[in-house]
Amino acid sequence: MALNLLLQTPSSNSLLGLLPILLIFGIFYFLLFLPMQRQRKSQQKMLANLQNGNVVVTSGGIVGTVVAIDGDDTLVLRVKPDNVKIQVTRSSVSSLVSAEGKKS
């Protein structure tokens, strides 16, 4: 009987020792991984909905207007002041410029 109690005690201690690790993983999931997944989904949605006339900012900091969409993965941007046209990949677009930014 005493031997049986000694064998059960370490298993409950190992579960209690595992609980803080599981709690830390849960916190990391809700604070880090879940927001990153949401941001990635919204970025993919924005890239899929790009249209001619959208003002975008590339990951290199270039601001331009979408003039043409070539295939699935390349865009032609018109960059001011000289109206230079450059071809960039769709994935290099980091954000859309808001409607307020277009007015100024």
C-alpha atoms as a PDB file:
ATOM      1  CA  MET A   1       0.000   0.000   0.000  1.00  0.00           C
ATOM      2  CA  ALA A   2       2.790   2.440   0.892  1.00  0.00           C
ATOM      3  CA  LEU A   3       4.653   1.483  -2.284  1.00  0.00           C
ATOM      4  CA  ASN A   4       1.582   2.337  -4.342  1.00  0.00           C
ATOM      5  CA  LEU A   5       1.372   5.855  -2.807  1.00  0.00           C
ATOM      6  CA  LEU A   6       5.045   6.487  -3.516  1.00  0.00           C
ATOM      7  CA  LEU A   7       4.574   5.579  -7.166  1.00  0.00           C
ATOM      8  CA  GLN A   8       1.609   7.921  -7.642  1.00  0.00           C
ATOM      9  CA  THR A   9       3.219  10.994  -6.097  1.00  0.00           C
ATOM     10  CA  PRO A  10       5.923  11.613  -8.747  1.00  0.00           C
ATOM     11  CA  SER A  11       3.393  11.510 -11.590  1.00  0.00           C
ATOM     12  CA  SER A  12       1.295  14.246 -10.011  1.00  0.00           C
ATOM     13  CA  ASN A  13       4.464  16.295  -9.369  1.00  0.00           C
ATOM     14  CA  SER A  14       5.529  15.925 -12.986  1.00  0.00           C
ATOM     15  CA  LEU A  15       2.129  17.216 -14.116  1.00  0.00           C
ATOM     16  CA  LEU A  16       2.456  20.207 -11.809  1.00  0.00           C
ATOM     17  CA  GLY A  17       5.951  20.820 -13.163  1.00  0.00           C
ATOM     18  CA  LEU A  18       4.605  20.752 -16.711  1.00  0.00           C
ATOM     19  CA  LEU A  19       1.788  23.210 -15.965  1.00  0.00           C
ATOM     20  CA  PRO A  20       3.945  26.410 -16.000  1.00  0.00           C
ATOM     21  CA  ILE A  21       5.451  25.420 -19.351  1.00  0.00           C
ATOM     22  CA  LEU A  22       1.974  24.903 -20.825  1.00  0.00           C
ATOM     23  CA  LEU A  23       0.836  28.213 -19.341  1.00  0.00           C
ATOM     24  CA  ILE A  24       3.804  30.056 -20.888  1.00  0.00           C
ATOM     25  CA  PHE A  25       3.112  28.443 -24.261  1.00  0.00           C
ATOM     26  CA  GLY A  26      -0.538  29.540 -24.052  1.00  0.00           C
ATOM     27  CA  ILE A  27       0.493  33.122 -23.261  1.00  0.00           C
ATOM     28  CA  PHE A  28       2.948  33.175 -26.173  1.00  0.00           C
ATOM     29  CA  TYR A  29       0.285  31.820 -28.494  1.00  0.00           C
ATOM     30  CA  PHE A  30      -2.273  34.482 -27.617  1.00  0.00           C
ATOM     31  CA  LEU A  31       0.177  37.397 -27.416  1.00  0.00           C
ATOM     32  CA  LEU A  32       2.531  36.590 -30.308  1.00  0.00           C
ATOM     33  CA  PHE A  33       1.417  33.893 -32.709  1.00  0.00           C
ATOM     34  CA  LEU A  34      -2.283  34.741 -33.029  1.00  0.00           C
ATOM     35  CA  PRO A  35      -1.722  38.449 -33.868  1.00  0.00           C
ATOM     36  CA  MET A  36       1.006  37.512 -36.378  1.00  0.00           C
ATOM     37  CA  GLN A  37      -1.394  35.129 -38.127  1.00  0.00           C
ATOM     38  CA  ARG A  38      -4.083  37.832 -38.292  1.00  0.00           C
ATOM     39  CA  GLN A  39      -1.594  40.346 -39.701  1.00  0.00           C
ATOM     40  CA  ARG A  40      -0.377  37.860 -42.313  1.00  0.00           C
ATOM     41  CA  LYS A  41      -3.964  37.135 -43.404  1.00  0.00           C
ATOM     42  CA  SER A  42      -4.813  40.828 -43.719  1.00  0.00           C
ATOM     43  CA  GLN A  43      -1.585  41.427 -45.697  1.00  0.00           C
ATOM     44  CA  GLN A  44      -2.450  38.596 -48.106  1.00  0.00           C
ATOM     45  CA  LYS A  45      -5.999  39.952 -48.495  1.00  0.00           C
ATOM     46  CA  MET A  46      -4.648  43.443 -49.243  1.00  0.00           C
ATOM     47  CA  LEU A  47      -2.219  42.059 -51.851  1.00  0.00           C
ATOM     48  CA  ALA A  48      -4.968  40.025 -53.510  1.00  0.00           C
ATOM     49  CA  ASN A  49      -7.261  43.073 -53.750  1.00  0.00           C
ATOM     50  CA  LEU A  50      -4.772  45.466 -55.371  1.00  0.00           C
ATOM     51  CA  GLN A  51      -6.224  47.328 -58.347  1.00  0.00           C
ATOM     52  CA  ASN A  52      -5.113  49.922 -60.890  1.00  0.00           C
ATOM     53  CA  GLY A  53      -5.030  53.383 -59.352  1.00  0.00           C
ATOM     54  CA  ASN A  54      -4.172  52.225 -55.819  1.00  0.00           C
ATOM     55  CA  VAL A  55      -1.385  54.225 -54.155  1.00  0.00           C
ATOM     56  CA  VAL A  56       0.994  51.807 -52.442  1.00  0.00           C
ATOM     57  CA  VAL A  57       4.217  51.811 -50.453  1.00  0.00           C
ATOM     58  CA  THR A  58       6.807  49.128 -51.186  1.00  0.00           C
ATOM     59  CA  SER A  59       9.008  47.483 -48.592  1.00  0.00           C
ATOM     60  CA  GLY A  60      11.870  49.645 -49.891  1.00  0.00           C
ATOM     61  CA  GLY A  61       9.909  52.811 -49.143  1.00  0.00           C
ATOM     62  CA  ILE A  62       8.930  53.714 -52.698  1.00  0.00           C
ATOM     63  CA  VAL A  63       5.499  55.340 -52.996  1.00  0.00           C
ATOM     64  CA  GLY A  64       3.762  54.808 -56.316  1.00  0.00           C
ATOM     65  CA  THR A  65       0.469  54.345 -58.095  1.00  0.00           C
ATOM     66  CA  VAL A  66      -0.426  50.970 -59.566  1.00  0.00           C
ATOM     67  CA  VAL A  67      -0.628  51.382 -63.344  1.00  0.00           C
ATOM     68  CA  ALA A  68      -0.801  47.760 -64.470  1.00  0.00           C
ATOM     69  CA  ILE A  69      -0.963  44.291 -62.977  1.00  0.00           C
ATOM     70  CA  ASP A  70       1.141  41.829 -64.977  1.00  0.00           C
ATOM     71  CA  GLY A  71       0.198  38.244 -64.292  1.00  0.00           C
ATOM     72  CA  ASP A  72      -0.259  37.145 -60.720  1.00  0.00           C
ATOM     73  CA  ASP A  73       2.902  38.394 -59.087  1.00  0.00           C
ATOM     74  CA  THR A  74       4.184  41.608 -60.706  1.00  0.00           C
ATOM     75  CA  LEU A  75       2.916  45.187 -60.704  1.00  0.00           C
ATOM     76  CA  VAL A  76       3.902  48.274 -62.654  1.00  0.00           C
ATOM     77  CA  LEU A  77       4.063  51.387 -60.452  1.00  0.00           C
ATOM     78  CA  ARG A  78       4.203  55.014 -61.562  1.00  0.00           C
ATOM     79  CA  VAL A  79       6.479  56.989 -59.256  1.00  0.00           C
ATOM     80  CA  LYS A  80       6.273  60.781 -59.045  1.00  0.00           C
ATOM     81  CA  PRO A  81       7.589  63.451 -59.772  1.00  0.00           C
ATOM     82  CA  ASP A  82       8.876  62.269 -63.177  1.00  0.00           C
ATOM     83  CA  ASN A  83       6.213  59.562 -63.674  1.00  0.00           C
ATOM     84  CA  VAL A  84       8.869  56.856 -63.866  1.00  0.00           C
ATOM     85  CA  LYS A  85       7.394  53.385 -64.239  1.00  0.00           C
ATOM     86  CA  ILE A  86       8.959  50.538 -62.290  1.00  0.00           C
ATOM     87  CA  GLN A  87       8.069  46.886 -62.121  1.00  0.00           C
ATOM     88  CA  VAL A  88       7.901  45.292 -58.676  1.00  0.00           C
ATOM     89  CA  THR A  89       6.689  42.019 -57.267  1.00  0.00           C
ATOM     90  CA  ARG A  90       3.323  41.987 -55.591  1.00  0.00           C
ATOM     91  CA  SER A  91       4.894  40.707 -52.371  1.00  0.00           C
ATOM     92  CA  SER A  92       7.138  43.781 -52.138  1.00  0.00           C
ATOM     93  CA  VAL A  93       4.095  45.996 -51.529  1.00  0.00           C
ATOM     94  CA  SER A  94       3.949  46.613 -47.807  1.00  0.00           C
ATOM     95  CA  SER A  95       0.859  48.820 -47.475  1.00  0.00           C
ATOM     96  CA  LEU A  96      -1.815  50.864 -49.163  1.00  0.00           C
ATOM     97  CA  VAL A  97      -1.729  54.630 -48.656  1.00  0.00           C
ATOM     98  CA  SER A  98      -4.925  55.774 -46.927  1.00  0.00           C
ATOM     99  CA  ALA A  99      -7.452  58.012 -48.655  1.00  0.00           C
ATOM    100  CA  GLU A 100      -6.319  60.935 -46.464  1.00  0.00           C
ATOM    101  CA  GLY A 101      -2.766  60.482 -47.742  1.00  0.00           C
ATOM    102  CA  LYS A 102      -3.935  60.812 -51.355  1.00  0.00           C
ATOM    103  CA  LYS A 103      -5.339  64.300 -50.774  1.00  0.00           C
ATOM    104  CA  SER A 104      -2.067  65.838 -49.593  1.00  0.00           C
END
